[in-house]
């Protein structure tokens, strides 16, 4: 039960994070002059999760910068 609750919490947190990031990115693109139709955004799903490892296996290295680690996962 604890694992299921934790996974549900993680899934919800990822959903909120992705929704906020998609909104930020769309706003940044619009601010730089790109045209983004709301109809196009309606088809973007915040359910992406490749950047999350739910099994708890995380690797952190002092030698690798966080930006490169995130870019490699996407």
Protein backbone atom coordinates (compact mmCIF):
# COMPACT_ATOMS: atom_id res chain seq x y z
CA UNK A 1 0.00 0.00 0.00
CA UNK A 2 2.86 2.41 0.81
CA UNK A 3 4.53 1.72 -2.53
CA UNK A 4 1.31 2.32 -4.44
CA UNK A 5 0.65 5.54 -2.55
CA UNK A 6 4.21 6.73 -3.14
CA UNK A 7 4.03 5.94 -6.83
CA UNK A 8 0.71 7.79 -7.07
CA UNK A 9 2.23 10.80 -5.33
CA UNK A 10 5.25 10.70 -7.65
CA UNK A 11 3.01 10.44 -10.72
CA UNK A 12 0.95 13.42 -9.59
CA UNK A 13 4.07 15.47 -8.87
CA UNK A 14 5.46 14.69 -12.33
CA UNK A 15 2.15 15.66 -13.90
CA UNK A 16 2.14 19.03 -12.11
CA UNK A 17 5.83 19.66 -12.88
CA UNK A 18 5.40 18.83 -16.57
CA UNK A 19 2.29 21.01 -16.85
CA UNK A 20 4.13 23.98 -15.33
CA UNK A 21 7.20 23.46 -17.52
CA UNK A 22 5.14 23.15 -20.71
CA UNK A 23 3.39 26.40 -19.81
CA UNK A 24 6.71 28.15 -19.10
CA UNK A 25 8.23 26.94 -22.36
CA UNK A 26 5.19 27.99 -24.39
CA UNK A 27 5.24 31.43 -22.76
CA UNK A 28 8.97 31.81 -23.44
CA UNK A 29 8.51 30.86 -27.08
CA UNK A 30 5.60 33.27 -27.46
CA UNK A 31 7.68 36.04 -25.85
CA UNK A 32 10.39 35.53 -28.46
CA UNK A 33 7.91 35.84 -31.32
CA UNK A 34 7.00 32.22 -32.04
CA UNK A 35 3.38 31.54 -32.84
CA UNK A 36 1.91 28.75 -30.73
CA UNK A 37 -1.77 28.04 -31.19
CA UNK A 38 -3.80 26.99 -28.19
CA UNK A 39 -5.21 24.16 -30.34
CA UNK A 40 -1.66 22.79 -30.67
CA UNK A 41 -1.06 23.00 -26.92
CA UNK A 42 -4.32 21.14 -26.33
CA UNK A 43 -2.67 18.10 -27.95
CA UNK A 44 0.45 18.19 -25.77
CA UNK A 45 0.33 15.69 -22.94
CA UNK A 46 1.93 16.40 -19.55
CA UNK A 47 2.08 12.65 -18.91
CA UNK A 48 5.67 12.38 -20.19
CA UNK A 49 7.88 10.60 -17.68
CA UNK A 50 11.16 9.60 -19.35
CA UNK A 51 13.00 12.02 -17.06
CA UNK A 52 11.75 10.21 -13.95
CA UNK A 53 13.05 6.88 -12.68
CA UNK A 54 10.29 5.57 -10.38
CA UNK A 55 12.20 2.49 -9.20
CA UNK A 56 14.50 4.61 -7.07
CA UNK A 57 17.72 3.97 -9.00
CA UNK A 58 19.40 7.34 -9.27
CA UNK A 59 22.98 8.00 -10.30
CA UNK A 60 24.64 11.25 -9.38
CA UNK A 61 28.14 12.14 -10.41
CA UNK A 62 30.18 15.14 -9.34
CA UNK A 63 31.83 15.04 -12.75
CA UNK A 64 28.64 15.50 -14.75
CA UNK A 65 26.65 18.71 -14.76
CA UNK A 66 22.86 18.44 -14.13
CA UNK A 67 22.00 20.04 -17.51
CA UNK A 68 23.89 17.34 -19.38
CA UNK A 69 22.31 14.57 -17.31
CA UNK A 70 18.82 15.93 -18.06
CA UNK A 71 19.57 16.39 -21.76
CA UNK A 72 20.79 12.81 -22.03
CA UNK A 73 17.58 11.49 -20.47
CA UNK A 74 15.31 13.34 -22.88
